[in-house]
């Protein structure tokens, strides 16, 4: 299973396992369509750093909306930008994550490398099926997100897929306010897929 970008990683791992004769009974996709190139092209270094800071709860949603323009206007180096974002976070949150400016900068570099790979990613092949857990998308409604983006997984599976509505938004579906309900939903889906119910 994979969350966001991790969804295509899970898909590729499942394909590789099936290719060597392994049985894959469950592939979980957490709020990601199979086609990711357009989103990856939107994420430059600044957007990527701010998104990661928001995802880690270093900045609020309102701050994340304003920060890319602010940071671009400041014309900061990558390390200065990492320091700026880390300095906005509460000391409690930084301690929870054991996060320093250097560690955050390394994480941003890793994330940006994945974005670069995603810009050329074109899904191909199939797996048996996927269970797509969908939340409120970054833009638009859940219904349009499901119909126009997530149901594209139908083109990359051999059997019927499952689409499971979960609480929260893309960046909060496994956050503190939703983690309990998400894990219960995931557990039910795993039990169903593995014949444990």
C-alpha atoms as a PDB file:
ATOM      1  CA  UNK A   1       0.000   0.000   0.000  1.00  0.00           C
ATOM      2  CA  UNK A   2       1.129   3.545  -0.594  1.00  0.00           C
ATOM      3  CA  UNK A   3       0.007   6.987   0.482  1.00  0.00           C
ATOM      4  CA  UNK A   4      -0.073   9.712  -2.160  1.00  0.00           C
ATOM      5  CA  UNK A   5       3.072   9.305  -4.325  1.00  0.00           C
ATOM      6  CA  UNK A   6       3.603   5.980  -2.571  1.00  0.00           C
ATOM      7  CA  UNK A   7       0.549   4.661  -4.431  1.00  0.00           C
ATOM      8  CA  UNK A   8       2.441   4.331  -7.695  1.00  0.00           C
ATOM      9  CA  UNK A   9       5.383   2.799  -5.804  1.00  0.00           C
ATOM     10  CA  UNK A  10       3.015   0.169  -4.335  1.00  0.00           C
ATOM     11  CA  UNK A  11       1.599  -0.485  -7.813  1.00  0.00           C
ATOM     12  CA  UNK A  12       5.079  -0.986  -9.286  1.00  0.00           C
ATOM     13  CA  UNK A  13       6.139  -3.277  -6.424  1.00  0.00           C
ATOM     14  CA  UNK A  14       2.970  -5.354  -6.840  1.00  0.00           C
ATOM     15  CA  UNK A  15       3.678  -5.717 -10.577  1.00  0.00           C
ATOM     16  CA  UNK A  16       7.256  -6.807  -9.865  1.00  0.00           C
ATOM     17  CA  UNK A  17       6.091  -9.378  -7.304  1.00  0.00           C
ATOM     18  CA  UNK A  18       3.481 -10.787  -9.678  1.00  0.00           C
ATOM     19  CA  UNK A  19       6.093 -10.970 -12.454  1.00  0.00           C
ATOM     20  CA  UNK A  20       8.151 -13.430 -10.380  1.00  0.00           C
ATOM     21  CA  UNK A  21       5.125 -15.567  -9.516  1.00  0.00           C
ATOM     22  CA  UNK A  22       4.115 -14.086  -6.175  1.00  0.00           C
ATOM     23  CA  UNK A  23       0.441 -13.754  -5.277  1.00  0.00           C
ATOM     24  CA  UNK A  24      -0.545 -10.189  -4.365  1.00  0.00           C
ATOM     25  CA  UNK A  25      -3.936 -10.153  -2.679  1.00  0.00           C
ATOM     26  CA  UNK A  26      -3.997  -6.492  -1.682  1.00  0.00           C
ATOM     27  CA  UNK A  27      -2.732  -3.301  -3.293  1.00  0.00           C
ATOM     28  CA  UNK A  28      -3.814  -0.177  -1.426  1.00  0.00           C
ATOM     29  CA  UNK A  29      -3.736   3.224  -3.085  1.00  0.00           C
ATOM     30  CA  UNK A  30      -4.245   6.143  -0.700  1.00  0.00           C
ATOM     31  CA  UNK A  31      -5.712   9.066  -2.662  1.00  0.00           C
ATOM     32  CA  UNK A  32      -3.584   8.952  -5.821  1.00  0.00           C
ATOM     33  CA  UNK A  33      -4.520   8.496  -9.484  1.00  0.00           C
ATOM     34  CA  UNK A  34      -2.264   6.425 -11.757  1.00  0.00           C
ATOM     35  CA  UNK A  35      -1.331   9.434 -13.892  1.00  0.00           C
ATOM     36  CA  UNK A  36       0.854  11.776 -11.814  1.00  0.00           C
ATOM     37  CA  UNK A  37       2.934  13.673 -14.372  1.00  0.00           C
ATOM     38  CA  UNK A  38       0.828  16.852 -14.405  1.00  0.00           C
ATOM     39  CA  UNK A  39       0.932  17.171 -10.601  1.00  0.00           C
ATOM     40  CA  UNK A  40       4.667  16.509 -10.545  1.00  0.00           C
ATOM     41  CA  UNK A  41       5.231  19.306 -13.060  1.00  0.00           C
ATOM     42  CA  UNK A  42       3.416  21.710 -10.708  1.00  0.00           C
ATOM     43  CA  UNK A  43       5.823  20.974  -7.863  1.00  0.00           C
ATOM     44  CA  UNK A  44       9.006  23.000  -8.113  1.00  0.00           C
ATOM     45  CA  UNK A  45      11.453  23.045  -5.197  1.00  0.00           C
ATOM     46  CA  UNK A  46       9.563  25.808  -3.354  1.00  0.00           C
ATOM     47  CA  UNK A  47       6.155  24.111  -3.705  1.00  0.00           C
ATOM     48  CA  UNK A  48       7.683  20.795  -2.692  1.00  0.00           C
ATOM     49  CA  UNK A  49       9.294  22.237   0.425  1.00  0.00           C
ATOM     50  CA  UNK A  50       6.102  24.010   1.479  1.00  0.00           C
ATOM     51  CA  UNK A  51       3.974  20.920   0.814  1.00  0.00           C
ATOM     52  CA  UNK A  52       6.297  18.805   2.921  1.00  0.00           C
ATOM     53  CA  UNK A  53       6.227  21.399   5.717  1.00  0.00           C
ATOM     54  CA  UNK A  54       2.424  21.365   5.618  1.00  0.00           C
ATOM     55  CA  UNK A  55       2.274  17.564   5.465  1.00  0.00           C
ATOM     56  CA  UNK A  56       4.496  17.407   8.564  1.00  0.00           C
ATOM     57  CA  UNK A  57       2.360  20.025  10.370  1.00  0.00           C
ATOM     58  CA  UNK A  58       5.226  22.503  10.515  1.00  0.00           C
ATOM     59  CA  UNK A  59       2.984  25.152   8.946  1.00  0.00           C
ATOM     60  CA  UNK A  60      -0.771  25.596   8.742  1.00  0.00           C
ATOM     61  CA  UNK A  61      -2.935  25.261   5.636  1.00  0.00           C
ATOM     62  CA  UNK A  62      -3.329  29.050   5.445  1.00  0.00           C
ATOM     63  CA  UNK A  63       0.427  29.564   5.757  1.00  0.00           C
ATOM     64  CA  UNK A  64       1.083  26.903   3.108  1.00  0.00           C
ATOM     65  CA  UNK A  65      -1.161  28.756   0.661  1.00  0.00           C
ATOM     66  CA  UNK A  66       0.814  32.005   1.045  1.00  0.00           C
ATOM     67  CA  UNK A  67       4.355  30.712   1.550  1.00  0.00           C
ATOM     68  CA  UNK A  68       5.360  29.807  -2.041  1.00  0.00           C
ATOM     69  CA  UNK A  69       4.946  33.401  -3.258  1.00  0.00           C
ATOM     70  CA  UNK A  70       6.589  34.789  -0.123  1.00  0.00           C
ATOM     71  CA  UNK A  71       9.572  32.431  -0.391  1.00  0.00           C
ATOM     72  CA  UNK A  72      10.052  33.085  -4.104  1.00  0.00           C
ATOM     73  CA  UNK A  73      10.072  36.840  -3.430  1.00  0.00           C
ATOM     74  CA  UNK A  74      12.717  36.383  -0.731  1.00  0.00           C
ATOM     75  CA  UNK A  75      14.973  34.594  -3.247  1.00  0.00           C
ATOM     76  CA  UNK A  76      16.402  32.281  -0.576  1.00  0.00           C
ATOM     77  CA  UNK A  77      18.863  29.464  -1.109  1.00  0.00           C
ATOM     78  CA  UNK A  78      17.594  25.923  -0.513  1.00  0.00           C
ATOM     79  CA  UNK A  79      19.182  25.797   2.934  1.00  0.00           C
ATOM     80  CA  UNK A  80      17.821  29.231   3.866  1.00  0.00           C
ATOM     81  CA  UNK A  81      14.355  28.162   2.736  1.00  0.00           C
ATOM     82  CA  UNK A  82      14.555  24.998   4.840  1.00  0.00           C
ATOM     83  CA  UNK A  83      15.612  27.102   7.822  1.00  0.00           C
ATOM     84  CA  UNK A  84      12.769  29.550   7.260  1.00  0.00           C
ATOM     85  CA  UNK A  85      10.172  26.757   7.207  1.00  0.00           C
ATOM     86  CA  UNK A  86      11.612  24.923  10.202  1.00  0.00           C
ATOM     87  CA  UNK A  87      11.752  28.164  12.200  1.00  0.00           C
ATOM     88  CA  UNK A  88       8.002  28.604  11.641  1.00  0.00           C
ATOM     89  CA  UNK A  89       7.266  25.290  13.374  1.00  0.00           C
ATOM     90  CA  UNK A  90       6.590  24.835  17.046  1.00  0.00           C
ATOM     91  CA  UNK A  91       9.439  23.430  19.110  1.00  0.00           C
ATOM     92  CA  UNK A  92       7.088  20.698  20.333  1.00  0.00           C
ATOM     93  CA  UNK A  93       6.412  19.515  16.772  1.00  0.00           C
ATOM     94  CA  UNK A  94      10.098  19.624  15.868  1.00  0.00           C
ATOM     95  CA  UNK A  95      10.908  17.539  18.957  1.00  0.00           C
ATOM     96  CA  UNK A  96       8.167  15.023  18.076  1.00  0.00           C
ATOM     97  CA  UNK A  97       9.744  14.542  14.654  1.00  0.00           C
ATOM     98  CA  UNK A  98      13.352  14.885  15.869  1.00  0.00           C
ATOM     99  CA  UNK A  99      13.649  17.404  13.056  1.00  0.00           C
ATOM    100  CA  UNK A 100      16.442  19.894  12.463  1.00  0.00           C
ATOM    101  CA  UNK A 101      17.025  22.252   9.560  1.00  0.00           C
ATOM    102  CA  UNK A 102      19.571  19.835   8.072  1.00  0.00           C
ATOM    103  CA  UNK A 103      17.227  16.852   8.382  1.00  0.00           C
ATOM    104  CA  UNK A 104      14.340  18.790   6.852  1.00  0.00           C
ATOM    105  CA  UNK A 105      16.564  19.994   3.981  1.00  0.00           C
ATOM    106  CA  UNK A 106      17.621  16.395   3.289  1.00  0.00           C
ATOM    107  CA  UNK A 107      13.966  15.297   3.322  1.00  0.00           C
ATOM    108  CA  UNK A 108      13.055  18.073   0.862  1.00  0.00           C
ATOM    109  CA  UNK A 109      15.914  16.986  -1.435  1.00  0.00           C
ATOM    110  CA  UNK A 110      14.699  13.387  -1.325  1.00  0.00           C
ATOM    111  CA  UNK A 111      11.111  14.456  -2.032  1.00  0.00           C
ATOM    112  CA  UNK A 112      12.253  16.629  -4.930  1.00  0.00           C
ATOM    113  CA  UNK A 113      14.182  13.694  -6.422  1.00  0.00           C
ATOM    114  CA  UNK A 114      10.971  11.672  -6.336  1.00  0.00           C
ATOM    115  CA  UNK A 115       9.114  14.537  -8.012  1.00  0.00           C
ATOM    116  CA  UNK A 116      11.724  14.524 -10.786  1.00  0.00           C
ATOM    117  CA  UNK A 117      11.165  10.794 -11.326  1.00  0.00           C
ATOM    118  CA  UNK A 118       7.393  11.308 -11.285  1.00  0.00           C
ATOM    119  CA  UNK A 119       7.566  13.869 -14.081  1.00  0.00           C
ATOM    120  CA  UNK A 120       8.498  11.080 -16.496  1.00  0.00           C
ATOM    121  CA  UNK A 121       6.376   8.333 -14.924  1.00  0.00           C
ATOM    122  CA  UNK A 122       3.876   6.711 -17.247  1.00  0.00           C
ATOM    123  CA  UNK A 123       1.905   3.821 -15.701  1.00  0.00           C
ATOM    124  CA  UNK A 124       1.770   0.582 -17.638  1.00  0.00           C
ATOM    125  CA  UNK A 125       0.852  -3.030 -17.073  1.00  0.00           C
ATOM    126  CA  UNK A 126      -1.677  -4.388 -14.612  1.00  0.00           C
ATOM    127  CA  UNK A 127      -2.140  -5.912 -11.192  1.00  0.00           C
ATOM    128  CA  UNK A 128      -4.984  -8.129 -10.045  1.00  0.00           C
ATOM    129  CA  UNK A 129      -6.910  -5.257  -8.440  1.00  0.00           C
ATOM    130  CA  UNK A 130      -6.491  -2.189  -6.239  1.00  0.00           C
ATOM    131  CA  UNK A 131      -8.320  -0.767  -3.261  1.00  0.00           C
ATOM    132  CA  UNK A 132      -8.366   3.005  -3.635  1.00  0.00           C
ATOM    133  CA  UNK A 133      -8.960   4.970  -0.436  1.00  0.00           C
ATOM    134  CA  UNK A 134     -10.077   8.454  -1.427  1.00  0.00           C
ATOM    135  CA  UNK A 135     -10.343  11.681   0.534  1.00  0.00           C
ATOM    136  CA  UNK A 136     -11.021  15.317  -0.306  1.00  0.00           C
ATOM    137  CA  UNK A 137      -8.546  16.152  -3.093  1.00  0.00           C
ATOM    138  CA  UNK A 138      -6.193  19.116  -3.306  1.00  0.00           C
ATOM    139  CA  UNK A 139      -8.619  20.746  -5.759  1.00  0.00           C
ATOM    140  CA  UNK A 140     -12.238  20.071  -6.652  1.00  0.00           C
ATOM    141  CA  UNK A 141     -14.761  17.692  -5.157  1.00  0.00           C
ATOM    142  CA  UNK A 142     -14.465  14.086  -4.058  1.00  0.00           C
ATOM    143  CA  UNK A 143     -16.974  13.021  -6.685  1.00  0.00           C
ATOM    144  CA  UNK A 144     -15.088  14.588  -9.603  1.00  0.00           C
ATOM    145  CA  UNK A 145     -11.735  13.390  -8.197  1.00  0.00           C
ATOM    146  CA  UNK A 146     -13.081   9.840  -8.011  1.00  0.00           C
ATOM    147  CA  UNK A 147     -14.757   9.832 -11.440  1.00  0.00           C
ATOM    148  CA  UNK A 148     -12.172  11.728 -13.496  1.00  0.00           C
ATOM    149  CA  UNK A 149      -8.900  10.738 -11.824  1.00  0.00           C
ATOM    150  CA  UNK A 150      -9.018   7.792  -9.435  1.00  0.00           C
ATOM    151  CA  UNK A 151     -11.189   5.530 -11.556  1.00  0.00           C
ATOM    152  CA  UNK A 152      -8.384   5.592 -14.137  1.00  0.00           C
ATOM    153  CA  UNK A 153      -7.000   2.697 -12.075  1.00  0.00           C
ATOM    154  CA  UNK A 154      -9.538   0.565 -13.982  1.00  0.00           C
ATOM    155  CA  UNK A 155      -7.087   0.667 -16.923  1.00  0.00           C
ATOM    156  CA  UNK A 156      -4.308  -0.920 -14.849  1.00  0.00           C
ATOM    157  CA  UNK A 157      -6.055  -3.867 -13.204  1.00  0.00           C
ATOM    158  CA  UNK A 158      -7.364  -7.222 -14.388  1.00  0.00           C
ATOM    159  CA  UNK A 159     -10.210  -7.542 -11.908  1.00  0.00           C
ATOM    160  CA  UNK A 160     -12.696  -5.340 -10.088  1.00  0.00           C
ATOM    161  CA  UNK A 161     -11.350  -2.534  -7.935  1.00  0.00           C
ATOM    162  CA  UNK A 162     -12.735  -1.138  -4.706  1.00  0.00           C
ATOM    163  CA  UNK A 163     -13.098   2.585  -4.002  1.00  0.00           C
ATOM    164  CA  UNK A 164     -13.355   3.418  -0.307  1.00  0.00           C
ATOM    165  CA  UNK A 165     -14.435   6.880   0.852  1.00  0.00           C
ATOM    166  CA  UNK A 166     -12.406   8.025   3.882  1.00  0.00           C
ATOM    167  CA  UNK A 167     -12.598  11.095   6.085  1.00  0.00           C
ATOM    168  CA  UNK A 168     -10.315  14.082   5.760  1.00  0.00           C
ATOM    169  CA  UNK A 169      -8.373  15.806   3.039  1.00  0.00           C
ATOM    170  CA  UNK A 170      -5.401  14.532   1.089  1.00  0.00           C
ATOM    171  CA  UNK A 171      -2.917  15.797   3.695  1.00  0.00           C
ATOM    172  CA  UNK A 172      -5.018  14.917   6.745  1.00  0.00           C
ATOM    173  CA  UNK A 173      -6.558  11.519   6.008  1.00  0.00           C
ATOM    174  CA  UNK A 174      -4.028   9.885   8.351  1.00  0.00           C
ATOM    175  CA  UNK A 175      -3.604  12.908  10.614  1.00  0.00           C
ATOM    176  CA  UNK A 176      -4.464  12.819  14.322  1.00  0.00           C
ATOM    177  CA  UNK A 177      -8.140  13.641  13.791  1.00  0.00           C
ATOM    178  CA  UNK A 178      -8.686  10.834  11.233  1.00  0.00           C
ATOM    179  CA  UNK A 179      -6.085   8.156  11.973  1.00  0.00           C
ATOM    180  CA  UNK A 180      -8.393   6.064  14.158  1.00  0.00           C
ATOM    181  CA  UNK A 181     -11.160   5.844  11.575  1.00  0.00           C
ATOM    182  CA  UNK A 182      -8.649   5.378   8.745  1.00  0.00           C
ATOM    183  CA  UNK A 183      -6.878   2.477  10.428  1.00  0.00           C
ATOM    184  CA  UNK A 184     -10.229   0.795  11.163  1.00  0.00           C
ATOM    185  CA  UNK A 185     -11.262   1.173   7.508  1.00  0.00           C
ATOM    186  CA  UNK A 186      -7.887  -0.092   6.306  1.00  0.00           C
ATOM    187  CA  UNK A 187      -8.043  -3.066   8.705  1.00  0.00           C
ATOM    188  CA  UNK A 188     -11.518  -4.034   7.408  1.00  0.00           C
ATOM    189  CA  UNK A 189     -10.297  -3.818   3.809  1.00  0.00           C
ATOM    190  CA  UNK A 190      -7.175  -5.886   4.560  1.00  0.00           C
ATOM    191  CA  UNK A 191      -9.267  -8.509   6.343  1.00  0.00           C
ATOM    192  CA  UNK A 192     -11.664  -8.651   3.380  1.00  0.00           C
ATOM    193  CA  UNK A 193      -8.847  -8.948   0.824  1.00  0.00           C
ATOM    194  CA  UNK A 194      -6.998 -11.602   2.791  1.00  0.00           C
ATOM    195  CA  UNK A 195     -10.123 -13.584   3.662  1.00  0.00           C
ATOM    196  CA  UNK A 196      -9.865 -12.919   7.401  1.00  0.00           C
ATOM    197  CA  UNK A 197     -13.385 -11.609   7.953  1.00  0.00           C
END
